[in-house]
Structure formats: C-alpha cells, structure tokens
Protein backbone atom coordinates (compact mmCIF):
# COMPACT_ATOMS: atom_id res chain seq x y z
CA MET A 1 0.00 0.00 0.00
CA ASN A 2 2.76 2.44 0.89
CA LYS A 3 4.52 1.69 -2.39
CA ILE A 4 1.36 2.57 -4.33
CA VAL A 5 0.97 5.95 -2.53
CA ILE A 6 4.60 6.84 -3.10
CA GLY A 7 4.27 6.02 -6.80
CA VAL A 8 1.18 8.25 -7.17
CA TRP A 9 2.96 11.25 -5.57
CA LEU A 10 5.97 10.77 -7.83
CA LEU A 11 3.72 10.79 -10.89
CA VAL A 12 1.96 14.01 -9.74
CA GLY A 13 5.36 15.71 -9.16
CA CYS A 14 6.46 14.85 -12.69
CA PHE A 15 3.35 16.48 -14.19
CA ILE A 16 3.79 19.65 -12.09
CA GLY A 17 7.46 19.95 -13.03
CA ALA A 18 6.69 19.55 -16.71
CA GLY A 19 4.01 22.25 -16.55
CA LEU A 20 6.32 24.77 -14.84
CA THR A 21 8.97 24.04 -17.44
CA LEU A 22 6.56 24.83 -20.25
CA VAL A 23 5.46 28.11 -18.60
CA VAL A 24 8.77 29.45 -17.32
CA ALA A 25 11.30 28.08 -19.76
CA PRO A 26 10.45 30.38 -22.70
CA ASN A 27 11.16 33.44 -20.55
CA LEU A 28 14.45 32.23 -19.06
CA THR A 29 17.92 32.12 -20.53
CA THR A 30 21.03 30.44 -19.20
CA THR A 31 24.20 32.44 -18.78
CA PRO A 32 27.61 30.95 -19.63
CA ALA A 33 28.15 30.27 -15.91
CA GLY A 34 24.96 28.27 -15.78
CA GLU A 35 22.91 31.00 -14.05
CA VAL A 36 19.31 31.56 -15.08
CA SER A 37 18.17 35.13 -15.90
CA GLN A 38 15.06 36.81 -17.27
CA ALA A 39 14.99 36.79 -21.08
CA LYS A 40 15.09 40.10 -22.97
CA PRO A 41 11.84 41.15 -24.66
CA GLU A 42 11.65 40.72 -28.39
CA PRO A 43 11.74 43.95 -30.48
CA LEU A 44 8.61 44.86 -32.39
CA TYR A 45 10.63 46.19 -35.33
CA TRP A 46 13.82 48.04 -36.22
CA VAL A 47 14.04 51.66 -37.44
CA ALA A 48 16.75 53.85 -38.97
CA PRO A 49 18.33 56.30 -36.48
CA MET A 50 17.95 59.25 -38.87
CA ASP A 51 14.67 58.19 -40.52
CA PRO A 52 12.03 56.65 -38.19
CA GLY A 53 9.85 55.95 -41.22
CA TYR A 54 12.36 53.37 -42.43
CA ARG A 55 11.23 50.12 -40.70
CA ARG A 56 12.42 46.53 -41.02
CA ASP A 57 11.40 43.26 -39.37
CA GLN A 58 14.99 42.29 -38.59
CA PRO A 59 18.32 43.95 -37.78
CA GLY A 60 20.37 45.48 -40.55
CA LYS A 61 21.72 48.70 -41.98
CA SER A 62 19.86 51.90 -42.83
CA PRO A 63 20.20 53.53 -46.29
CA MET A 64 22.83 55.78 -44.68
CA GLY A 65 24.86 52.78 -43.51
CA MET A 66 23.91 53.05 -39.81
CA ASP A 67 22.77 50.17 -37.60
CA LEU A 68 19.00 49.90 -37.25
CA ILE A 69 17.57 50.60 -33.78
CA PRO A 70 15.23 48.07 -32.13
CA VAL A 71 11.85 49.29 -30.85
CA TYR A 72 10.26 47.34 -27.98
CA ALA A 73 6.67 47.07 -26.83
CA ASP A 74 5.77 49.26 -23.86
CA ALA A 75 5.13 46.94 -20.93
CA SER A 76 3.89 49.72 -18.66
CA THR A 77 0.31 50.95 -18.77
CA ASP A 78 0.55 54.06 -16.55
CA SER A 79 2.78 56.26 -18.72
CA GLY A 80 0.16 57.42 -21.15
CA PRO A 81 0.01 57.29 -24.94
CA GLY A 82 3.22 57.89 -26.81
CA THR A 83 5.57 56.36 -24.25
CA VAL A 84 8.65 54.80 -25.83
CA SER A 85 10.75 52.18 -24.03
CA ILE A 86 14.39 51.63 -24.99
CA SER A 87 16.85 49.15 -23.55
CA PRO A 88 19.85 50.52 -21.61
CA GLU A 89 22.26 49.32 -24.31
CA VAL A 90 20.44 51.34 -26.98
CA VAL A 91 20.28 54.38 -24.71
CA ASN A 92 24.04 54.27 -24.36
CA ASN A 93 24.60 53.68 -28.07
CA LEU A 94 22.44 56.66 -28.99
CA GLY A 95 24.24 58.87 -26.48
CA VAL A 96 21.01 59.90 -24.73
CA ARG A 97 21.69 62.50 -22.03
CA THR A 98 19.15 63.92 -19.61
CA VAL A 99 19.16 67.06 -17.48
CA LYS A 100 16.85 68.28 -14.73
CA ALA A 101 14.71 71.36 -15.21
CA GLN A 102 15.95 73.94 -12.73
CA ALA A 103 14.58 77.08 -11.15
CA GLY A 104 16.61 80.25 -11.56
CA ALA A 105 16.85 83.70 -13.09
CA LEU A 106 17.29 83.73 -16.85
CA LEU A 107 20.59 85.34 -17.84
CA THR A 108 20.40 86.70 -21.36
CA GLU A 109 23.28 88.12 -23.36
CA ILE A 110 22.19 90.61 -26.01
CA ASN A 111 24.87 91.21 -28.62
CA THR A 112 24.65 94.41 -30.62
CA VAL A 113 26.82 97.20 -32.03
CA GLY A 114 27.39 100.68 -30.67
CA TYR A 115 29.04 103.98 -31.49
CA VAL A 116 31.20 106.08 -29.20
CA GLN A 117 29.91 109.62 -28.67
CA TYR A 118 30.84 112.66 -26.64
CA ASN A 119 29.36 112.90 -23.18
CA GLN A 120 26.48 115.21 -24.05
CA ASP A 121 26.31 116.44 -20.46
CA LYS A 122 29.74 118.03 -20.93
CA LEU A 123 29.56 119.13 -24.56
CA ILE A 124 29.73 122.95 -24.74
CA HIS A 125 28.97 125.17 -27.73
CA ILE A 126 30.70 128.56 -27.92
CA HIS A 127 28.49 131.43 -29.19
CA PRO A 128 29.22 135.19 -29.15
CA ARG A 129 26.73 137.57 -27.54
CA VAL A 130 27.79 140.53 -29.65
CA GLN A 131 28.72 140.94 -33.28
CA GLY A 132 32.28 141.58 -34.30
CA TRP A 133 35.40 140.34 -36.06
CA VAL A 134 37.80 137.55 -35.08
CA GLU A 135 41.19 139.24 -34.77
CA LYS A 136 43.17 136.19 -33.63
CA LEU A 137 42.44 132.45 -33.42
CA TYR A 138 44.54 130.53 -30.90
CA LEU A 139 43.35 127.01 -31.87
CA LYS A 140 43.51 126.32 -35.57
CA ALA A 141 42.15 122.76 -36.06
CA GLU A 142 39.40 120.44 -34.84
CA GLY A 143 40.61 117.85 -32.35
CA ASP A 144 43.14 120.19 -30.70
CA PRO A 145 43.22 119.68 -26.94
CA VAL A 146 42.27 122.62 -24.76
CA ARG A 147 42.48 123.33 -21.04
CA ALA A 148 40.06 125.30 -18.89
CA GLY A 149 41.03 129.00 -18.98
CA GLN A 150 43.05 128.68 -22.19
CA PRO A 151 42.41 131.52 -24.74
CA LEU A 152 40.30 130.56 -27.75
CA TYR A 153 40.10 133.71 -29.91
CA ASP A 154 40.33 137.53 -29.75
CA LEU A 155 37.22 139.47 -30.76
CA TYR A 156 36.91 143.11 -31.81
CA SER A 157 33.38 144.37 -31.20
CA PRO A 158 32.18 147.98 -31.03
CA ALA A 159 29.55 146.93 -28.51
CA LEU A 160 32.24 145.58 -26.17
CA VAL A 161 34.29 148.78 -26.55
CA ASN A 162 31.26 150.89 -25.63
CA ALA A 163 30.50 148.69 -22.61
CA GLN A 164 34.06 149.15 -21.35
CA GLU A 165 33.87 152.92 -21.80
CA GLU A 166 30.68 153.00 -19.74
CA MET A 167 32.51 151.12 -16.99
CA VAL A 168 35.41 153.59 -17.04
CA LEU A 169 33.00 156.55 -16.97
CA ALA A 170 31.16 155.10 -13.96
CA LEU A 171 34.50 154.58 -12.17
CA GLU A 172 35.56 158.20 -12.81
CA ARG A 173 32.27 159.49 -11.41
CA ASN A 174 32.61 157.09 -8.48
CA ASN A 175 28.93 156.23 -8.83
CA THR A 176 28.43 152.89 -7.11
CA ARG A 177 25.13 152.19 -8.82
CA LEU A 178 26.51 152.89 -12.30
CA ILE A 179 29.64 150.84 -11.58
CA SER A 180 27.55 147.83 -10.54
CA ALA A 181 25.31 148.13 -13.61
CA ALA A 182 28.27 148.47 -16.00
CA GLN A 183 30.01 145.50 -14.42
CA ASP A 184 26.89 143.33 -14.75
CA ARG A 185 26.61 144.27 -18.42
CA LEU A 186 30.21 143.25 -19.10
CA ARG A 187 29.63 139.88 -17.41
CA ALA A 188 26.47 139.41 -19.50
CA LEU A 189 28.56 139.98 -22.62
CA GLN A 190 30.87 137.11 -21.49
CA LEU A 191 33.85 139.15 -20.32
CA SER A 192 35.88 137.22 -17.77
CA ASP A 193 36.24 138.44 -14.19
CA THR A 194 39.99 138.80 -14.78
CA THR A 195 39.36 141.23 -17.66
CA ILE A 196 36.84 143.24 -15.62
CA GLN A 197 39.19 143.52 -12.65
CA GLN A 198 42.01 144.63 -14.95
CA LEU A 199 39.72 147.28 -16.45
CA ARG A 200 38.82 148.61 -12.99
CA LYS A 201 42.48 148.75 -12.07
CA THR A 202 43.91 150.32 -15.25
CA ARG A 203 40.77 152.11 -16.51
CA LYS A 204 42.07 151.43 -20.01
CA VAL A 205 39.64 150.26 -22.70
CA HIS A 206 40.77 147.22 -24.73
CA GLN A 207 39.90 147.21 -28.41
CA THR A 208 39.86 143.39 -28.54
CA ILE A 209 38.56 140.99 -25.91
CA THR A 210 39.92 137.45 -25.42
CA VAL A 211 37.43 134.57 -25.02
CA TYR A 212 38.63 131.69 -22.80
CA SER A 213 37.71 127.98 -22.65
CA PRO A 214 35.27 127.13 -19.85
CA GLN A 215 36.45 123.48 -19.49
CA ASP A 216 39.03 120.87 -20.46
CA GLY A 217 38.40 118.92 -23.65
CA VAL A 218 39.00 118.88 -27.38
CA ILE A 219 37.86 121.26 -30.10
CA ASP A 220 35.00 120.10 -32.30
CA ASN A 221 32.98 121.85 -35.04
CA LEU A 222 35.46 124.70 -35.53
CA ASN A 223 33.54 127.08 -37.82
CA ILE A 224 35.68 130.27 -37.79
CA ARG A 225 39.00 131.53 -39.03
CA GLU A 226 40.86 134.75 -38.38
CA GLY A 227 39.01 137.71 -39.89
CA PHE A 228 35.57 136.05 -39.73
CA PHE A 229 32.62 138.28 -38.92
CA ILE A 230 30.46 136.64 -36.26
CA GLN A 231 27.25 137.60 -34.53
CA PRO A 232 24.86 136.19 -31.91
CA GLY A 233 23.63 132.78 -33.09
CA THR A 234 26.89 131.84 -34.80
CA THR A 235 28.28 128.50 -33.55
CA VAL A 236 31.93 129.38 -33.25
CA MET A 237 33.10 125.97 -32.00
CA SER A 238 32.26 123.12 -29.62
CA ILE A 239 34.34 121.74 -26.76
CA GLY A 240 33.78 118.11 -25.80
CA SER A 241 35.10 116.29 -22.75
CA LEU A 242 36.64 112.84 -23.22
CA ASP A 243 37.13 111.89 -19.57
CA GLU A 244 33.86 109.98 -19.87
CA VAL A 245 32.11 108.97 -23.11
CA TRP A 246 28.71 107.74 -24.13
CA VAL A 247 28.15 104.65 -26.22
CA GLU A 248 24.81 104.39 -28.02
CA ALA A 249 23.50 101.06 -29.25
CA GLU A 250 20.21 99.58 -30.44
CA VAL A 251 18.37 96.37 -29.55
CA PHE A 252 15.42 94.75 -31.28
CA GLU A 253 11.88 95.33 -30.08
CA ARG A 254 11.53 91.78 -28.74
CA GLN A 255 14.64 92.27 -26.57
CA ALA A 256 13.64 95.64 -25.12
CA SER A 257 11.84 94.15 -22.11
CA LEU A 258 15.04 92.38 -21.03
CA VAL A 259 17.12 95.57 -20.79
CA GLN A 260 16.93 97.72 -17.66
CA VAL A 261 18.84 100.72 -16.42
CA GLY A 262 21.88 99.55 -14.47
CA ALA A 263 22.33 96.29 -16.41
CA PRO A 264 26.05 95.44 -16.76
CA VAL A 265 27.59 95.88 -20.20
CA SER A 266 30.85 94.65 -21.71
CA MET A 267 32.36 96.24 -24.82
CA THR A 268 35.22 95.45 -27.20
CA LEU A 269 36.71 97.51 -30.02
CA ASP A 270 38.93 96.65 -32.97
CA TYR A 271 41.00 99.67 -31.95
CA THR A 272 42.07 97.93 -28.71
CA PRO A 273 42.11 94.16 -29.44
CA GLY A 274 42.05 91.97 -26.35
CA LYS A 275 40.81 94.76 -24.08
CA GLU A 276 37.33 94.62 -22.59
CA TRP A 277 35.56 97.71 -21.31
CA LEU A 278 32.99 97.38 -18.54
CA GLY A 279 30.09 99.74 -18.03
CA LYS A 280 26.36 99.94 -17.29
CA VAL A 281 23.19 100.86 -19.11
CA ASP A 282 22.62 104.51 -18.25
CA TYR A 283 19.36 105.17 -20.09
CA VAL A 284 16.80 103.34 -22.23
CA TYR A 285 15.19 105.74 -24.72
CA PRO A 286 11.39 105.83 -24.50
CA THR A 287 10.65 105.74 -28.24
CA LEU A 288 10.87 102.98 -30.83
CA ASP A 289 12.35 103.59 -34.25
CA GLU A 290 9.45 102.95 -36.62
CA LYS A 291 11.71 101.92 -39.50
CA THR A 292 14.23 99.63 -37.82
CA ARG A 293 11.90 98.52 -34.97
CA THR A 294 14.70 99.00 -32.47
CA ILE A 295 15.13 100.79 -29.14
CA LYS A 296 18.20 102.87 -28.43
CA LEU A 297 20.32 102.40 -25.30
CA ARG A 298 22.86 104.74 -23.78
CA MET A 299 25.86 103.52 -21.80
CA ARG A 300 28.63 105.38 -19.97
CA PHE A 301 32.30 104.37 -19.93
CA ASP A 302 35.21 105.97 -18.12
CA ASN A 303 37.94 107.06 -20.52
CA PRO A 304 40.95 108.16 -18.44
CA ASN A 305 43.52 107.55 -21.21
CA ARG A 306 41.25 108.89 -23.96
CA GLN A 307 41.47 105.64 -25.91
CA LEU A 308 37.76 105.81 -26.69
CA LYS A 309 37.23 108.34 -29.45
CA PRO A 310 33.93 109.70 -30.80
CA ASN A 311 32.41 107.79 -33.75
CA MET A 312 34.36 104.60 -33.00
CA PHE A 313 32.56 101.33 -33.78
CA ALA A 314 32.16 98.93 -30.83
CA GLN A 315 30.80 95.42 -30.17
CA VAL A 316 28.48 95.61 -27.16
CA THR A 317 27.10 92.80 -25.00
CA VAL A 318 24.30 93.62 -22.57
CA HIS A 319 24.10 91.11 -19.71
CA ALA A 320 20.38 91.18 -18.94
CA GLN A 321 19.10 89.16 -16.00
CA SER A 322 15.42 88.66 -15.13
CA SER A 323 14.40 89.27 -11.54
CA ASP A 324 11.83 86.45 -11.51
CA SER A 325 12.64 82.81 -10.88
CA ALA A 326 11.72 80.65 -13.87
CA VAL A 327 11.81 77.00 -14.97
CA LEU A 328 14.92 76.67 -17.12
CA ILE A 329 16.17 73.92 -19.44
CA PRO A 330 19.15 73.86 -21.83
CA ARG A 331 18.44 75.35 -25.22
CA GLU A 332 19.46 72.14 -27.01
CA ALA A 333 16.71 70.22 -25.16
CA LEU A 334 13.95 72.23 -26.86
CA ILE A 335 12.41 70.91 -30.08
CA ARG A 336 10.90 73.72 -32.19
CA THR A 337 8.58 72.64 -34.98
CA GLY A 338 7.29 76.04 -36.09
CA LYS A 339 3.79 75.60 -34.66
CA VAL A 340 4.40 74.03 -31.26
CA ASP A 341 7.40 73.48 -29.01
CA ARG A 342 8.16 70.14 -27.40
CA VAL A 343 10.58 68.41 -25.08
CA VAL A 344 11.17 64.71 -24.51
CA LEU A 345 10.46 63.81 -20.90
CA ALA A 346 12.49 60.98 -19.35
CA LEU A 347 10.08 58.88 -17.25
CA GLY A 348 12.71 56.50 -15.90
CA ASP A 349 13.51 52.84 -16.57
CA GLY A 350 14.26 53.60 -20.23
CA ARG A 351 10.85 55.18 -20.88
CA PHE A 352 10.49 58.48 -22.76
CA LYS A 353 7.60 60.63 -23.91
CA SER A 354 7.30 63.76 -26.05
CA ILE A 355 5.17 66.54 -24.54
CA ASN A 356 4.21 70.08 -25.56
CA VAL A 357 5.59 73.03 -23.61
CA GLN A 358 4.98 76.78 -23.60
CA VAL A 359 8.21 78.70 -24.19
CA GLY A 360 9.00 82.10 -22.72
CA ARG A 361 12.27 83.95 -23.18
CA ILE A 362 15.18 82.30 -24.96
CA ALA A 363 18.75 83.04 -23.91
CA GLU A 364 22.02 81.92 -25.44
CA ASN A 365 22.23 78.72 -23.38
CA ASN A 366 18.90 78.34 -21.55
CA VAL A 367 15.19 78.50 -22.33
CA GLU A 368 12.41 79.63 -20.01
CA ILE A 369 9.47 77.19 -19.86
CA LEU A 370 6.15 78.74 -18.83
CA ALA A 371 4.03 75.58 -18.85
CA GLY A 372 4.39 71.87 -19.54
CA ILE A 373 7.17 70.82 -17.16
CA MET A 374 8.14 71.60 -13.60
CA VAL A 375 11.32 72.00 -11.61
CA GLY A 376 13.03 68.63 -11.14
CA ASP A 377 11.66 66.97 -14.28
CA ASP A 378 14.19 65.04 -16.37
CA VAL A 379 14.32 66.13 -20.00
CA VAL A 380 16.42 64.70 -22.82
CA SER A 381 19.14 67.06 -24.07
CA SER A 382 20.71 64.88 -26.78
CA ALA A 383 19.38 62.33 -29.29
CA GLN A 384 15.91 63.67 -28.48
CA PHE A 385 14.86 64.00 -32.13
CA LEU A 386 14.74 60.24 -32.69
CA LEU A 387 12.80 59.74 -29.46
CA ASP A 388 10.42 62.58 -30.35
CA SER A 389 9.71 61.24 -33.83
CA GLU A 390 8.85 57.81 -32.42
CA SER A 391 6.80 59.14 -29.50
CA SER A 392 4.91 61.70 -31.60
CA LYS A 393 3.17 59.00 -33.64
CA THR A 394 0.91 58.04 -30.74
CA SER A 395 1.53 60.68 -28.07
CA ASP A 396 -1.23 62.93 -26.77
CA PHE A 397 1.55 65.42 -25.80
CA MET A 398 0.14 65.67 -22.29
CA ARG A 399 1.69 64.63 -18.99
CA MET A 400 -0.62 61.67 -18.39
CA HIS A 401 1.94 59.85 -16.27
CA TYR A 402 1.98 62.76 -13.83
CA ALA A 403 -1.65 63.79 -14.14
CA SER A 404 -2.38 64.04 -10.42
CA GLU A 405 0.93 65.76 -9.64
CA ALA A 406 0.54 68.21 -12.52
CA LYS A 407 -2.99 69.11 -11.47
CA GLN A 408 -1.86 69.70 -7.91
CA ASN A 409 1.05 71.90 -8.99
CA ALA A 410 -1.00 73.78 -11.59
CA SER A 411 -3.18 75.38 -8.90
CA ALA A 412 -2.40 77.56 -5.92
CA GLU A 413 -4.10 79.42 -3.08
CA VAL A 414 -2.86 82.88 -2.18
CA MET A 415 -3.84 86.20 -0.59
CA GLY A 416 -4.11 89.38 -2.63
CA VAL A 417 -5.56 92.87 -3.02
CA ILE A 418 -7.87 93.78 -5.93
CA ARG A 419 -6.56 96.68 -8.01
CA SER A 420 -9.11 96.75 -10.85
CA ILE A 421 -12.29 94.90 -11.86
CA ASP A 422 -13.52 94.31 -15.42
CA ALA A 423 -16.90 92.69 -14.91
CA ALA A 424 -17.68 92.49 -18.65
CA SER A 425 -14.67 90.31 -19.47
CA ARG A 426 -14.59 88.75 -15.97
CA ASN A 427 -11.03 89.87 -15.36
CA LEU A 428 -9.37 90.99 -12.11
CA ASN A 429 -6.05 92.76 -11.65
CA ILE A 430 -4.64 91.62 -8.30
CA ASP A 431 -1.55 92.34 -6.21
CA ARG A 432 -0.94 88.77 -5.08
CA GLU A 433 1.40 87.63 -2.33
CA ALA A 434 4.26 85.17 -2.75
CA ILE A 435 3.69 81.53 -3.79
CA PRO A 436 6.42 79.55 -1.94
CA LYS A 437 5.79 76.19 -3.67
CA TRP A 438 6.48 77.78 -7.06
CA ASN A 439 9.35 79.88 -5.72
CA ARG A 440 7.53 83.00 -6.93
CA GLY A 441 7.64 86.37 -5.21
CA PRO A 442 4.77 88.87 -4.91
CA ALA A 443 3.50 90.27 -8.19
CA ASN A 444 0.76 92.28 -9.87
CA MET A 445 -1.12 90.04 -12.31
CA ASP A 446 -4.29 89.78 -14.39
CA PHE A 447 -6.59 86.83 -13.65
CA ASN A 448 -9.62 85.49 -15.51
CA VAL A 449 -12.55 84.43 -13.33
CA MET A 450 -14.33 81.15 -13.94
CA ASP A 451 -18.02 81.26 -14.81
CA GLY A 452 -20.08 80.69 -11.67
CA VAL A 453 -17.80 82.66 -9.36
CA ASP A 454 -19.77 85.66 -8.06
CA LEU A 455 -18.15 89.07 -8.62
CA ALA A 456 -21.00 91.15 -7.24
CA GLY A 457 -19.52 91.79 -3.79
CA LEU A 458 -15.97 92.56 -4.93
CA LYS A 459 -14.54 96.08 -4.77
CA VAL A 460 -11.25 97.71 -5.71
CA GLY A 461 -8.88 97.68 -2.74
CA MET A 462 -10.56 94.66 -1.14
CA ARG A 463 -8.27 92.01 0.37
CA ILE A 464 -9.19 88.50 -0.81
CA HIS A 465 -8.13 84.89 -0.47
CA PHE A 466 -8.45 83.08 -3.80
CA MET A 467 -7.57 79.87 -5.61
CA PHE A 468 -6.49 79.81 -9.25
CA GLU A 469 -5.35 77.27 -11.83
CA VAL A 470 -2.88 77.55 -14.69
CA SER A 471 -4.19 76.19 -17.97
CA VAL A 472 -2.10 74.43 -20.60
CA GLU A 473 -2.18 77.66 -22.60
CA GLY A 474 -0.68 79.52 -19.64
CA GLU A 475 -3.84 81.40 -18.61
CA PHE A 476 -4.54 82.10 -14.92
CA MET A 477 -8.14 81.19 -14.00
CA ILE A 478 -9.62 81.97 -10.58
CA THR A 479 -11.84 79.13 -9.37
CA ARG A 480 -12.72 80.42 -5.90
CA ILE A 481 -12.73 83.81 -4.12
CA HIS A 482 -13.23 84.59 -0.45
CA ALA A 483 -13.43 88.27 0.55
CA MET A 484 -11.61 89.02 3.80
CA PRO A 485 -13.28 91.12 6.54
CA ILE A 486 -12.48 94.83 6.39
CA GLU A 487 -10.09 95.71 9.22
CA PRO A 488 -10.09 99.03 11.08
CA LYS A 489 -8.10 101.87 9.59
CA GLY A 490 -4.47 101.85 10.59
CA ALA A 491 -4.12 98.08 10.38
CA ASP A 492 -0.87 97.27 8.60
CA HIS A 493 -0.78 94.32 6.23
CA GLY A 494 2.73 95.17 5.12
CA ALA A 495 3.75 96.66 1.85
CA MET A 496 3.57 94.40 -1.13
CA SER A 497 6.42 94.56 -3.56
CA HIS A 498 6.04 93.93 -7.25
CA ASP A 499 8.12 91.85 -9.56
C-alpha cells in the first residue's frame, strides 16, 4: 500500500514539473556560468536612427549605412500614450543624455553694435553775444586739446568797446550804482572776471577781448578763421570732454523688455584688441524707431587715457538678467517645430515621452518654460529628435503619467488685493502675495474668473483669499474667491512689492 501511494505522488510531481517548465522556460535564458536570468523582450521592429519611417522586421543597416535601432513594446500601462521604451544598451549607443529642469533667473546676453559719442552732459557750444570780427584764433584745427582758462580767440566788437567805456565813466564818477550796472553788463557779454578787474584797475579800454575755454576737452565743429565776422547765433566751435564717453546702441523690439537701467555691459573695439571695457546701461530711450523697430540704449564708460574716441565702432554685450525665478532647461533640449514646441520627458527605466511646452524667453544657453514641465523633471538634451519622432506618432503630448501631480502643482491658493475689476470680461487685476511652492515672489497680475464665481460683492482695494489654476495655454483662471473682513483703519498688512 505504501509503495502505491509513493508512486502516485511521484507521478503528480512529474506532471507539475513539466508544466512549470513549459510556462517558465520560454522566458528564461542560461548564462555561460549556468545561471538563469530573465529573457530580454523581443523587439517589435527596427528603425533607422535618422529616418524613423524606415522600418524593417529584422536587424540590418539603414540607407545611410547606420545600424537599425530596435523598438520594444511598452510593458507599462501608466505612462500614457506615446511612451517609448528603450533598452539601456540602446540608450548608451544613442548617447542619450538627460538634465533636470531647474529654477533660476534667466541670464540673457544681447549682442549688438554701438558707437562712441561725446558725453552730451559736458559738450559745450561757444556762441558770441555781440557781433564783431575775429582778430586772432589761438586754436587752428578740430581735435586740438584745450584746457580750462586757455584763450580761444580775440574778438573786436564795437559793442564791447562801448560797454568798457561806460565802466570807465562810472568809475571816474565814483557812482556805485553805475559801476555795478556796467560790471553786470560786461559779465552778460561774457567778459571774464579777470578782464573786468584789470579794467577797474587800469581804466584802459581794450579794443579786442579774449574769449577763454570754460572746461578741459578737445575742439570740435570749428567754424571760424581769423578775420571772420560773427554775430549772436553763430556757432563758433564746440568743446567736448573725453574723460567719460557715451556709447549708443540699439536692440530689437523683442529684446527691449530684457534691458533695464543699471544692467552690466561689456564692450570690445577693434582699436584695442584683447581689451574689454565694462560699463552699465545709463538710459533706455522711450521711443521705438518705426523703420528699424529697435530701441536705443545709452551707456557710460570711463575714458581716463582717452582711448575711446567719438564715432568709433564697438561690439556691445548687454548682460540682462530677469528678476523672476523661472523653470529653465538647456536650449538644445527644446524641439521647435514652427507651430508648437516640445521636449522629450524621461520617465525613468528607459521610458520616454514627447510633450508640448509653452516657451518664454530664450537666452544663449537656456530656455524659459512657462508651462508643460516643472522643476526637477528630467528632459532629454541629446538624441531627443529620434525619441520625439517615435513618441509623436501616438503621443497625446500631455503629462498623463503625472496627471495628479501636474494638477496639484497647476493650482495655488494665495492672498491678494484687488486693483481693478472688469466685470464684462470677468477679469481681475490683483496684487498677489508670494507663492512659496512655485518659488515665486509677490507680483501684480491679471486673472480670468471662472463662470459661476460671483463678482458682485468685490470692490477695488478689497483684500481677498483666492484659488487659481494655470491652464495648458498659460492662462490664470480663478476658481474660488473669499473676501476678507475689512479691518479698522491703521491696520498694517505690510507693503507688497512687485516683480
């Protein structure tokens, strides 16, 4: 009896072992050392690295002579449509690199050209206040250096002779009132104090009067020669200072919002190769050139050695930095198609998906992303075009894998003060407080209000607590508003700063 029972159990064990072999064996492989490991999944098909439309049922070479890339079935079901899975070996062969989206201020370098100009604050034009003849010219050419107090030209003018005679006559009569009036007239006619004091001392009328330079600089626009007849309104010459110069440059209309007064500037000139000049934006002109669609900037540069000369051509780089924190990715990670912008999101475990993003400002190395990804997301920065072309065939371009997380991060609750109400378009302008989870400071913003939210009790200046969501298009939609009780006058909520 015992032998029969033992035989039955042996027979049952054989059947069970055979069944497990049939189920497990196809998915197991034996390593050279005799170890058993999970078998690799079979590729669905092979595609050309540079042409995803070129498909084959087996490995081989593409028309360009490159090895075909295997495409595997997506075993996961929670990554959403368009998810592409690639084995680690293929990821390495393609040179796929990923970077994390980071929060930071966007640093933009705007390259333009500029022209060196005189410092207009210290550019002086010399005009006579009487008519007469130039008897002697001390400086004969434009560009001659001049010092403050140095003689410029001698002028014979009957009006100046008469004014001196009146001064002498008042001195002889010892009439204080006449002396003061004659002295004031001579000063008004641009006679120097030294000449007036000499006249009072010697009481001798000078037929010619010397005009002196009021400042250090160089001669510009020299319009007279000896013997010229000049009169009020004649521009005799200009004197420009070169201790500090202006550099004027222009930037395109789309770049104007990035440039602010005080932004650092670096400048190079062919005249001084290898030397870099550092300065700041001194003024942004308020008008736009209607023909070139550019805005003019003015920068100041110290010029102690007078190496910078008016009308020189310069290469200018404005280092503009935004004050707001933004989501930044490398510029090479962005895929621009002309209609929409996309990035390839790395989901982990060799899974990738192409999604649409909303692009803000673009700098030389980084791109600002307004919507679509968040800080900490992994995006593909190389070999992303092959992944995008494969994912785009079935992708919905939405972040389905992170639907709950995206919805949570696309909404926020915050306090604010109403600044304006447009009931017709259901729009509110609000000074909102900071949003710590987005790393955003206080700001003044426009918000749309969802249908069904009552606006009847809202007033300008009212303090509110509200919830809003950010749509895929980047619009800010208020979904709930709670008006705060009005506090007694004198209550201090603290000043709100604006971005």
